[in-house]
Amino acid sequence: MSPNGPLSVPVLFQAEFPKLKKLYISSGSTILNARSLSCILQEGLSSLCLRYLDSTAQLISQTRQIHTLENIVLYGSEPIPAGFIMSNKQIRAFALLWHHRDADLRNLLRSFRYFPNLRVLLLIWTGPGIPDESLIELSRLSQVEVLHIGAAFFPEEEWFIHYDKIRQYLGDLVNLRRLVLEQDRDWATDLYKDMILDQAISFVQALPKLEYIVIGETAFTIADENGVREPVMLPLDPDSRDYTRELLRDEFGVGDFLKAF
C-alpha cells in the first residue's frame, strides 16, 4: 500500500525466498505481475493466504503445482482461480472466505473428489441456502474431517438451515469430527435453545466421529459418558466467538490472516 492509496502499477521484484513457509498476499491493495508471483510461489511453501483481484486470479491460475503446499485460503470475488486449485490436488485444507455462486462451488466440489488428502473445507454460498445438488457433491467427500459451510453474508438473506436435509446428506461423511453451520438466525430463547440442542443430538447420532458442532452461533462439544455420546452446549457469547478465525487458527495455522483486512 502506498502512502497515497492502493498502487496502480504492478509490484516488480525478482528475489527468491527459499525458506518461506507461510505467505499472505493482499492484492486488494497491491497489483502483482506474473514474474513477481513466480518468485514467491515456490516449493517449500506450505500455506498460502490470498486476497485477490480478478487479474491476480487469472495469473495465479497459470501457476504450476507447488508440491509442498498444504493449505490454501482465498478471499476474493469471482472468478475463482480454479486452475491453480486443480494443480494442487495434494492440499490438506481449503477455505474460500467470500460467497460464490452455486454453479462455481458445485464444480469445485466435483473436483475435490480427486483430492485424496483434503481434510478441511470452508465454503460460503451466495443466496439464502445451499442447493441439493451441492449437498449431494458434499456428501461424496468422505475424506473430509472438518466442514464449515454457510450461505450469504447479507441480513436480508440469512440462511434458515434445513437441518433434516443437511443431516441426510452429511451423514455420509463418516470421518467428520468438526462441523460448523453458520449464518442461521439465532434466537436467544429457551425454545430455540431446546430446538438447537435436539438438532445437535441428532447430528451426534448421525456422525460417529463428531467432536464439535456449531449451529448458528451455538457451539457444542461432544462428551462421552459411559459409551453414550452427548452434545454439551458451550456458553453463548456471540461477541467473543469468531468461528471462521477459530478454524483458520486451529486447522490452517493462520489465525491472524483476517487481521489484514
C-alpha atoms as a PDB file:
ATOM      1  CA  MET A   1       0.000   0.000   0.000  1.00  0.00           C
ATOM      2  CA  SER A   2       1.414   3.362  -0.982  1.00  0.00           C
ATOM      3  CA  PRO A   3       1.062   6.423   1.281  1.00  0.00           C
ATOM      4  CA  ASN A   4      -1.430   7.841  -1.188  1.00  0.00           C
ATOM      5  CA  GLY A   5      -3.623   4.757  -1.521  1.00  0.00           C
ATOM      6  CA  PRO A   6      -3.616   1.487  -3.497  1.00  0.00           C
ATOM      7  CA  LEU A   7      -0.867   1.023  -6.049  1.00  0.00           C
ATOM      8  CA  SER A   8      -1.993   1.342  -9.668  1.00  0.00           C
ATOM      9  CA  VAL A   9       1.026  -0.356 -11.283  1.00  0.00           C
ATOM     10  CA  PRO A  10       2.334  -3.874 -10.676  1.00  0.00           C
ATOM     11  CA  VAL A  11       4.883  -4.531  -7.939  1.00  0.00           C
ATOM     12  CA  LEU A  12       8.030  -5.918  -9.583  1.00  0.00           C
ATOM     13  CA  PHE A  13      10.740  -7.927  -7.821  1.00  0.00           C
ATOM     14  CA  GLN A  14      12.931 -10.935  -8.574  1.00  0.00           C
ATOM     15  CA  ALA A  15      14.124 -12.012  -5.139  1.00  0.00           C
ATOM     16  CA  GLU A  16      13.585 -15.605  -4.040  1.00  0.00           C
ATOM     17  CA  PHE A  17      12.562 -16.807  -0.587  1.00  0.00           C
ATOM     18  CA  PRO A  18      13.701 -20.437  -0.200  1.00  0.00           C
ATOM     19  CA  LYS A  19      12.704 -20.660   3.483  1.00  0.00           C
ATOM     20  CA  LEU A  20       9.232 -19.175   3.051  1.00  0.00           C
ATOM     21  CA  LYS A  21       6.567 -21.429   4.627  1.00  0.00           C
ATOM     22  CA  LYS A  22       3.524 -19.154   5.021  1.00  0.00           C
ATOM     23  CA  LEU A  23       2.568 -16.428   2.598  1.00  0.00           C
ATOM     24  CA  TYR A  24      -0.157 -13.775   2.931  1.00  0.00           C
ATOM     25  CA  ILE A  25      -0.922 -11.718  -0.171  1.00  0.00           C
ATOM     26  CA  SER A  26      -3.410  -8.865  -0.155  1.00  0.00           C
ATOM     27  CA  SER A  27      -3.718  -7.893  -3.803  1.00  0.00           C
ATOM     28  CA  GLY A  28      -6.725  -5.791  -2.884  1.00  0.00           C
ATOM     29  CA  SER A  29      -4.161  -3.038  -2.391  1.00  0.00           C
ATOM     30  CA  THR A  30      -1.195  -4.345  -4.381  1.00  0.00           C
ATOM     31  CA  ILE A  31      -1.060  -5.458  -8.010  1.00  0.00           C
ATOM     32  CA  LEU A  32       1.324  -8.350  -8.688  1.00  0.00           C
ATOM     33  CA  ASN A  33       2.596  -9.449 -12.073  1.00  0.00           C
ATOM     34  CA  ALA A  34       3.430 -12.957 -13.265  1.00  0.00           C
ATOM     35  CA  ARG A  35       7.177 -12.668 -12.564  1.00  0.00           C
ATOM     36  CA  SER A  36       6.636 -11.467  -9.001  1.00  0.00           C
ATOM     37  CA  LEU A  37       4.167 -14.264  -8.303  1.00  0.00           C
ATOM     38  CA  SER A  38       6.564 -16.866  -9.668  1.00  0.00           C
ATOM     39  CA  CYS A  39       9.252 -15.622  -7.261  1.00  0.00           C
ATOM     40  CA  ILE A  40       7.144 -16.169  -4.158  1.00  0.00           C
ATOM     41  CA  LEU A  41       5.027 -19.177  -5.141  1.00  0.00           C
ATOM     42  CA  GLN A  42       7.869 -21.658  -4.800  1.00  0.00           C
ATOM     43  CA  GLU A  43       8.469 -25.167  -3.495  1.00  0.00           C
ATOM     44  CA  GLY A  44       8.768 -25.131   0.299  1.00  0.00           C
ATOM     45  CA  LEU A  45       5.631 -23.048   0.750  1.00  0.00           C
ATOM     46  CA  SER A  46       3.099 -24.846   2.960  1.00  0.00           C
ATOM     47  CA  SER A  47       0.336 -22.230   3.471  1.00  0.00           C
ATOM     48  CA  LEU A  48      -0.960 -19.634   1.012  1.00  0.00           C
ATOM     49  CA  CYS A  49      -3.492 -16.975   2.050  1.00  0.00           C
ATOM     50  CA  LEU A  50      -4.523 -14.775  -0.849  1.00  0.00           C
ATOM     51  CA  ARG A  51      -6.881 -11.845  -1.139  1.00  0.00           C
ATOM     52  CA  TYR A  52      -7.108 -11.398  -4.859  1.00  0.00           C
ATOM     53  CA  LEU A  53      -8.385  -9.185  -7.640  1.00  0.00           C
ATOM     54  CA  ASP A  54      -9.678 -10.635 -10.906  1.00  0.00           C
ATOM     55  CA  SER A  55      -6.302 -10.036 -12.578  1.00  0.00           C
ATOM     56  CA  THR A  56      -4.465 -11.899  -9.816  1.00  0.00           C
ATOM     57  CA  ALA A  57      -6.894 -14.823 -10.082  1.00  0.00           C
ATOM     58  CA  GLN A  58      -6.060 -15.123 -13.769  1.00  0.00           C
ATOM     59  CA  LEU A  59      -2.321 -15.017 -13.116  1.00  0.00           C
ATOM     60  CA  ILE A  60      -2.346 -17.473 -10.253  1.00  0.00           C
ATOM     61  CA  SER A  61      -4.413 -19.926 -12.293  1.00  0.00           C
ATOM     62  CA  GLN A  62      -1.401 -20.201 -14.600  1.00  0.00           C
ATOM     63  CA  THR A  63       0.932 -21.134 -11.727  1.00  0.00           C
ATOM     64  CA  ARG A  64       2.355 -24.654 -11.669  1.00  0.00           C
ATOM     65  CA  GLN A  65       1.848 -27.119  -8.846  1.00  0.00           C
ATOM     66  CA  ILE A  66       3.592 -26.396  -5.548  1.00  0.00           C
ATOM     67  CA  HIS A  67       4.165 -29.897  -4.183  1.00  0.00           C
ATOM     68  CA  THR A  68       4.778 -28.748  -0.607  1.00  0.00           C
ATOM     69  CA  LEU A  69       1.579 -26.678  -0.419  1.00  0.00           C
ATOM     70  CA  GLU A  70      -0.881 -27.991   2.189  1.00  0.00           C
ATOM     71  CA  ASN A  71      -3.244 -25.115   2.982  1.00  0.00           C
ATOM     72  CA  ILE A  72      -4.994 -22.644   0.669  1.00  0.00           C
ATOM     73  CA  VAL A  73      -7.113 -19.731   1.936  1.00  0.00           C
ATOM     74  CA  LEU A  74      -8.699 -17.498  -0.733  1.00  0.00           C
ATOM     75  CA  TYR A  75     -10.602 -14.260  -0.230  1.00  0.00           C
ATOM     76  CA  GLY A  76     -11.995 -12.663  -3.346  1.00  0.00           C
ATOM     77  CA  SER A  77     -14.914 -12.277  -5.674  1.00  0.00           C
ATOM     78  CA  GLU A  78     -15.321 -14.221  -8.886  1.00  0.00           C
ATOM     79  CA  PRO A  79     -13.638 -15.713 -10.769  1.00  0.00           C
ATOM     80  CA  ILE A  80     -12.281 -18.456  -8.525  1.00  0.00           C
ATOM     81  CA  PRO A  81      -8.695 -19.344  -9.590  1.00  0.00           C
ATOM     82  CA  ALA A  82      -9.753 -22.889 -10.450  1.00  0.00           C
ATOM     83  CA  GLY A  83      -6.659 -23.715 -12.484  1.00  0.00           C
ATOM     84  CA  PHE A  84      -4.372 -23.130  -9.515  1.00  0.00           C
ATOM     85  CA  ILE A  85      -6.597 -25.132  -7.198  1.00  0.00           C
ATOM     86  CA  MET A  86      -6.762 -28.067  -9.623  1.00  0.00           C
ATOM     87  CA  SER A  87      -2.971 -28.044  -9.971  1.00  0.00           C
ATOM     88  CA  ASN A  88      -2.607 -28.730  -6.245  1.00  0.00           C
ATOM     89  CA  LYS A  89      -4.594 -31.885  -5.572  1.00  0.00           C
ATOM     90  CA  GLN A  90      -2.254 -32.726  -2.679  1.00  0.00           C
ATOM     91  CA  ILE A  91      -3.627 -29.997  -0.362  1.00  0.00           C
ATOM     92  CA  ARG A  92      -4.979 -30.836   3.086  1.00  0.00           C
ATOM     93  CA  ALA A  93      -7.124 -27.758   3.760  1.00  0.00           C
ATOM     94  CA  PHE A  94      -9.054 -25.298   1.585  1.00  0.00           C
ATOM     95  CA  ALA A  95     -11.072 -22.204   2.528  1.00  0.00           C
ATOM     96  CA  LEU A  96     -12.942 -19.757   0.319  1.00  0.00           C
ATOM     97  CA  LEU A  97     -13.841 -16.794   2.523  1.00  0.00           C
ATOM     98  CA  TRP A  98     -16.172 -14.981   0.146  1.00  0.00           C
ATOM     99  CA  HIS A  99     -19.572 -16.184  -1.009  1.00  0.00           C
ATOM    100  CA  HIS A 100     -19.803 -17.562  -4.540  1.00  0.00           C
ATOM    101  CA  ARG A 101     -22.454 -18.835  -6.938  1.00  0.00           C
ATOM    102  CA  ASP A 102     -23.639 -22.390  -6.534  1.00  0.00           C
ATOM    103  CA  ALA A 103     -22.551 -23.382 -10.060  1.00  0.00           C
ATOM    104  CA  ASP A 104     -18.941 -22.418  -9.309  1.00  0.00           C
ATOM    105  CA  LEU A 105     -18.863 -24.084  -5.911  1.00  0.00           C
ATOM    106  CA  ARG A 106     -20.510 -27.223  -7.251  1.00  0.00           C
ATOM    107  CA  ASN A 107     -17.750 -27.512  -9.876  1.00  0.00           C
ATOM    108  CA  LEU A 108     -15.170 -27.181  -7.110  1.00  0.00           C
ATOM    109  CA  LEU A 109     -16.862 -29.868  -5.064  1.00  0.00           C
ATOM    110  CA  ARG A 110     -16.862 -32.246  -8.004  1.00  0.00           C
ATOM    111  CA  SER A 111     -13.136 -31.640  -8.404  1.00  0.00           C
ATOM    112  CA  PHE A 112     -12.457 -32.247  -4.719  1.00  0.00           C
ATOM    113  CA  ARG A 113     -13.359 -35.918  -5.147  1.00  0.00           C
ATOM    114  CA  TYR A 114      -9.871 -36.255  -6.631  1.00  0.00           C
ATOM    115  CA  PHE A 115      -8.101 -34.556  -3.711  1.00  0.00           C
ATOM    116  CA  PRO A 116      -7.226 -37.600  -1.565  1.00  0.00           C
ATOM    117  CA  ASN A 117      -5.612 -35.606   1.263  1.00  0.00           C
ATOM    118  CA  LEU A 118      -8.351 -32.981   1.642  1.00  0.00           C
ATOM    119  CA  ARG A 119      -9.458 -32.966   5.277  1.00  0.00           C
ATOM    120  CA  VAL A 120     -10.627 -29.389   5.942  1.00  0.00           C
ATOM    121  CA  LEU A 121     -13.119 -27.403   3.831  1.00  0.00           C
ATOM    122  CA  LEU A 122     -14.792 -23.994   4.221  1.00  0.00           C
ATOM    123  CA  LEU A 123     -17.268 -22.728   1.603  1.00  0.00           C
ATOM    124  CA  ILE A 124     -19.936 -19.996   1.578  1.00  0.00           C
ATOM    125  CA  TRP A 125     -22.777 -19.907  -0.946  1.00  0.00           C
ATOM    126  CA  THR A 126     -24.367 -16.775  -2.418  1.00  0.00           C
ATOM    127  CA  GLY A 127     -28.071 -16.730  -1.623  1.00  0.00           C
ATOM    128  CA  PRO A 128     -30.364 -17.966   1.140  1.00  0.00           C
ATOM    129  CA  GLY A 129     -29.334 -21.614   1.156  1.00  0.00           C
ATOM    130  CA  ILE A 130     -27.297 -24.487  -0.254  1.00  0.00           C
ATOM    131  CA  PRO A 131     -28.966 -26.285  -3.193  1.00  0.00           C
ATOM    132  CA  ASP A 132     -29.482 -30.033  -3.052  1.00  0.00           C
ATOM    133  CA  GLU A 133     -27.076 -30.575  -5.954  1.00  0.00           C
ATOM    134  CA  SER A 134     -24.203 -29.145  -3.951  1.00  0.00           C
ATOM    135  CA  LEU A 135     -25.182 -31.076  -0.843  1.00  0.00           C
ATOM    136  CA  ILE A 136     -25.014 -34.239  -2.929  1.00  0.00           C
ATOM    137  CA  GLU A 137     -21.496 -33.319  -4.034  1.00  0.00           C
ATOM    138  CA  LEU A 138     -20.526 -32.562  -0.426  1.00  0.00           C
ATOM    139  CA  SER A 139     -21.804 -35.961   0.672  1.00  0.00           C
ATOM    140  CA  ARG A 140     -19.308 -37.637  -1.661  1.00  0.00           C
ATOM    141  CA  LEU A 141     -16.261 -36.137   0.058  1.00  0.00           C
ATOM    142  CA  SER A 142     -15.886 -38.900   2.614  1.00  0.00           C
ATOM    143  CA  GLN A 143     -12.267 -37.927   3.311  1.00  0.00           C
ATOM    144  CA  VAL A 144     -13.292 -34.585   4.868  1.00  0.00           C
ATOM    145  CA  GLU A 145     -12.953 -34.330   8.656  1.00  0.00           C
ATOM    146  CA  VAL A 146     -13.673 -30.622   9.205  1.00  0.00           C
ATOM    147  CA  LEU A 147     -16.500 -28.835   7.368  1.00  0.00           C
ATOM    148  CA  HIS A 148     -17.555 -25.192   7.714  1.00  0.00           C
ATOM    149  CA  ILE A 149     -20.426 -24.138   5.436  1.00  0.00           C
ATOM    150  CA  GLY A 150     -22.869 -21.244   5.233  1.00  0.00           C
ATOM    151  CA  ALA A 151     -24.844 -19.071   2.857  1.00  0.00           C
ATOM    152  CA  ALA A 152     -24.557 -15.347   2.016  1.00  0.00           C
ATOM    153  CA  PHE A 153     -23.405 -12.523   4.286  1.00  0.00           C
ATOM    154  CA  PHE A 154     -26.439 -10.265   3.984  1.00  0.00           C
ATOM    155  CA  PRO A 155     -29.039  -9.837   6.763  1.00  0.00           C
ATOM    156  CA  GLU A 156     -31.902  -9.989   4.269  1.00  0.00           C
ATOM    157  CA  GLU A 157     -30.599 -13.354   3.057  1.00  0.00           C
ATOM    158  CA  GLU A 158     -29.987 -15.170   6.326  1.00  0.00           C
ATOM    159  CA  TRP A 159     -29.737 -18.904   5.947  1.00  0.00           C
ATOM    160  CA  PHE A 160     -32.530 -20.785   7.695  1.00  0.00           C
ATOM    161  CA  ILE A 161     -30.930 -24.204   7.967  1.00  0.00           C
ATOM    162  CA  HIS A 162     -32.977 -27.194   6.832  1.00  0.00           C
ATOM    163  CA  TYR A 163     -31.489 -29.442   9.470  1.00  0.00           C
ATOM    164  CA  ASP A 164     -33.020 -32.737   8.370  1.00  0.00           C
ATOM    165  CA  LYS A 165     -31.871 -32.238   4.777  1.00  0.00           C
ATOM    166  CA  ILE A 166     -28.350 -31.199   5.822  1.00  0.00           C
ATOM    167  CA  ARG A 167     -28.078 -34.177   8.140  1.00  0.00           C
ATOM    168  CA  GLN A 168     -29.401 -36.539   5.465  1.00  0.00           C
ATOM    169  CA  TYR A 169     -26.562 -35.628   3.111  1.00  0.00           C
ATOM    170  CA  LEU A 170     -23.772 -35.039   5.598  1.00  0.00           C
ATOM    171  CA  GLY A 171     -24.497 -38.329   7.326  1.00  0.00           C
ATOM    172  CA  ASP A 172     -22.325 -39.936   4.640  1.00  0.00           C
ATOM    173  CA  LEU A 173     -19.274 -38.045   5.933  1.00  0.00           C
ATOM    174  CA  VAL A 174     -18.348 -40.752   8.412  1.00  0.00           C
ATOM    175  CA  ASN A 175     -14.976 -39.170   9.243  1.00  0.00           C
ATOM    176  CA  LEU A 176     -16.396 -35.755  10.127  1.00  0.00           C
ATOM    177  CA  ARG A 177     -15.159 -34.593  13.532  1.00  0.00           C
ATOM    178  CA  ARG A 178     -15.929 -30.876  13.331  1.00  0.00           C
ATOM    179  CA  LEU A 179     -18.966 -29.235  11.720  1.00  0.00           C
ATOM    180  CA  VAL A 180     -19.909 -25.546  11.549  1.00  0.00           C
ATOM    181  CA  LEU A 181     -23.269 -24.472  10.078  1.00  0.00           C
ATOM    182  CA  GLU A 182     -23.124 -20.686  10.109  1.00  0.00           C
ATOM    183  CA  GLN A 183     -25.500 -17.860   9.151  1.00  0.00           C
ATOM    184  CA  ASP A 184     -28.607 -19.361  10.718  1.00  0.00           C
ATOM    185  CA  ARG A 185     -30.854 -16.859  12.523  1.00  0.00           C
ATOM    186  CA  ASP A 186     -30.011 -17.378  16.187  1.00  0.00           C
ATOM    187  CA  TRP A 187     -32.837 -16.552  18.571  1.00  0.00           C
ATOM    188  CA  ALA A 188     -31.687 -16.433  22.199  1.00  0.00           C
ATOM    189  CA  THR A 189     -34.822 -18.029  23.644  1.00  0.00           C
ATOM    190  CA  ASP A 190     -35.313 -21.162  25.707  1.00  0.00           C
ATOM    191  CA  LEU A 191     -37.435 -22.684  22.935  1.00  0.00           C
ATOM    192  CA  TYR A 192     -34.737 -22.029  20.367  1.00  0.00           C
ATOM    193  CA  LYS A 193     -32.027 -23.437  22.640  1.00  0.00           C
ATOM    194  CA  ASP A 194     -34.061 -26.600  23.176  1.00  0.00           C
ATOM    195  CA  MET A 195     -34.544 -26.983  19.430  1.00  0.00           C
ATOM    196  CA  ILE A 196     -30.849 -26.452  18.734  1.00  0.00           C
ATOM    197  CA  LEU A 197     -29.937 -28.999  21.409  1.00  0.00           C
ATOM    198  CA  ASP A 198     -32.291 -31.542  19.816  1.00  0.00           C
ATOM    199  CA  GLN A 199     -30.657 -30.925  16.452  1.00  0.00           C
ATOM    200  CA  ALA A 200     -27.196 -31.278  17.939  1.00  0.00           C
ATOM    201  CA  ILE A 201     -28.198 -34.626  19.448  1.00  0.00           C
ATOM    202  CA  SER A 202     -29.414 -35.807  16.035  1.00  0.00           C
ATOM    203  CA  PHE A 203     -26.168 -34.781  14.358  1.00  0.00           C
ATOM    204  CA  VAL A 204     -24.139 -36.590  17.011  1.00  0.00           C
ATOM    205  CA  GLN A 205     -26.168 -39.732  16.390  1.00  0.00           C
ATOM    206  CA  ALA A 206     -25.658 -39.455  12.626  1.00  0.00           C
ATOM    207  CA  LEU A 207     -21.921 -38.683  12.705  1.00  0.00           C
ATOM    208  CA  PRO A 208     -19.991 -41.224  14.798  1.00  0.00           C
ATOM    209  CA  LYS A 209     -16.708 -39.279  14.961  1.00  0.00           C
ATOM    210  CA  LEU A 210     -18.142 -35.819  15.624  1.00  0.00           C
ATOM    211  CA  GLU A 211     -16.288 -33.921  18.372  1.00  0.00           C
ATOM    212  CA  TYR A 212     -17.530 -30.360  17.883  1.00  0.00           C
ATOM    213  CA  ILE A 213     -20.515 -28.735  16.179  1.00  0.00           C
ATOM    214  CA  VAL A 214     -21.753 -25.168  15.709  1.00  0.00           C
ATOM    215  CA  ILE A 215     -25.361 -24.487  14.714  1.00  0.00           C
ATOM    216  CA  GLY A 216     -25.948 -20.809  14.046  1.00  0.00           C
ATOM    217  CA  GLU A 217     -23.985 -19.187  16.854  1.00  0.00           C
ATOM    218  CA  THR A 218     -24.361 -22.033  19.342  1.00  0.00           C
ATOM    219  CA  ALA A 219     -21.380 -24.325  19.815  1.00  0.00           C
ATOM    220  CA  PHE A 220     -21.275 -27.792  21.356  1.00  0.00           C
ATOM    221  CA  THR A 221     -18.522 -30.172  22.301  1.00  0.00           C
ATOM    222  CA  ILE A 222     -19.274 -33.883  22.448  1.00  0.00           C
ATOM    223  CA  ALA A 223     -18.959 -35.720  25.742  1.00  0.00           C
ATOM    224  CA  ASP A 224     -18.781 -39.498  26.077  1.00  0.00           C
ATOM    225  CA  GLU A 225     -20.376 -40.734  29.282  1.00  0.00           C
ATOM    226  CA  ASN A 226     -20.281 -44.496  29.729  1.00  0.00           C
ATOM    227  CA  GLY A 227     -20.344 -45.067  25.998  1.00  0.00           C
ATOM    228  CA  VAL A 228     -23.151 -42.564  25.363  1.00  0.00           C
ATOM    229  CA  ARG A 229     -22.152 -39.568  23.235  1.00  0.00           C
ATOM    230  CA  GLU A 230     -23.996 -36.343  24.028  1.00  0.00           C
ATOM    231  CA  PRO A 231     -23.537 -32.692  22.985  1.00  0.00           C
ATOM    232  CA  VAL A 232     -22.604 -30.198  25.690  1.00  0.00           C
ATOM    233  CA  MET A 233     -23.573 -26.581  24.938  1.00  0.00           C
ATOM    234  CA  LEU A 234     -20.772 -24.074  25.349  1.00  0.00           C
ATOM    235  CA  PRO A 235     -21.528 -20.652  26.902  1.00  0.00           C
ATOM    236  CA  LEU A 236     -23.350 -18.477  24.369  1.00  0.00           C
ATOM    237  CA  ASP A 237     -21.285 -15.354  23.822  1.00  0.00           C
ATOM    238  CA  PRO A 238     -21.601 -14.355  20.126  1.00  0.00           C
ATOM    239  CA  ASP A 239     -19.475 -11.218  20.573  1.00  0.00           C
ATOM    240  CA  SER A 240     -16.443 -13.246  21.545  1.00  0.00           C
ATOM    241  CA  ARG A 241     -16.787 -16.096  19.042  1.00  0.00           C
ATOM    242  CA  ASP A 242     -15.480 -15.888  15.508  1.00  0.00           C
ATOM    243  CA  TYR A 243     -15.794 -19.397  14.097  1.00  0.00           C
ATOM    244  CA  THR A 244     -14.013 -18.550  10.858  1.00  0.00           C
ATOM    245  CA  ARG A 245     -10.966 -17.188  12.683  1.00  0.00           C
ATOM    246  CA  GLU A 246     -11.135 -20.158  15.034  1.00  0.00           C
ATOM    247  CA  LEU A 247     -10.999 -22.547  12.089  1.00  0.00           C
ATOM    248  CA  LEU A 248      -8.124 -20.705  10.413  1.00  0.00           C
ATOM    249  CA  ARG A 249      -6.196 -20.820  13.679  1.00  0.00           C
ATOM    250  CA  ASP A 250      -6.863 -24.450  14.613  1.00  0.00           C
ATOM    251  CA  GLU A 251      -6.835 -26.173  11.231  1.00  0.00           C
ATOM    252  CA  PHE A 252      -4.789 -23.902   8.963  1.00  0.00           C
ATOM    253  CA  GLY A 253      -2.372 -22.363  11.453  1.00  0.00           C
ATOM    254  CA  VAL A 254      -3.074 -18.881  10.045  1.00  0.00           C
ATOM    255  CA  GLY A 255      -5.496 -17.390  12.569  1.00  0.00           C
ATOM    256  CA  ASP A 256      -4.127 -13.876  12.105  1.00  0.00           C
ATOM    257  CA  PHE A 257      -4.865 -13.803   8.349  1.00  0.00           C
ATOM    258  CA  LEU A 258      -8.161 -11.917   8.733  1.00  0.00           C
ATOM    259  CA  LYS A 259      -6.455  -9.108  10.652  1.00  0.00           C
ATOM    260  CA  ALA A 260      -5.039  -7.888   7.342  1.00  0.00           C
ATOM    261  CA  PHE A 261      -8.459  -6.855   6.077  1.00  0.00           C
END
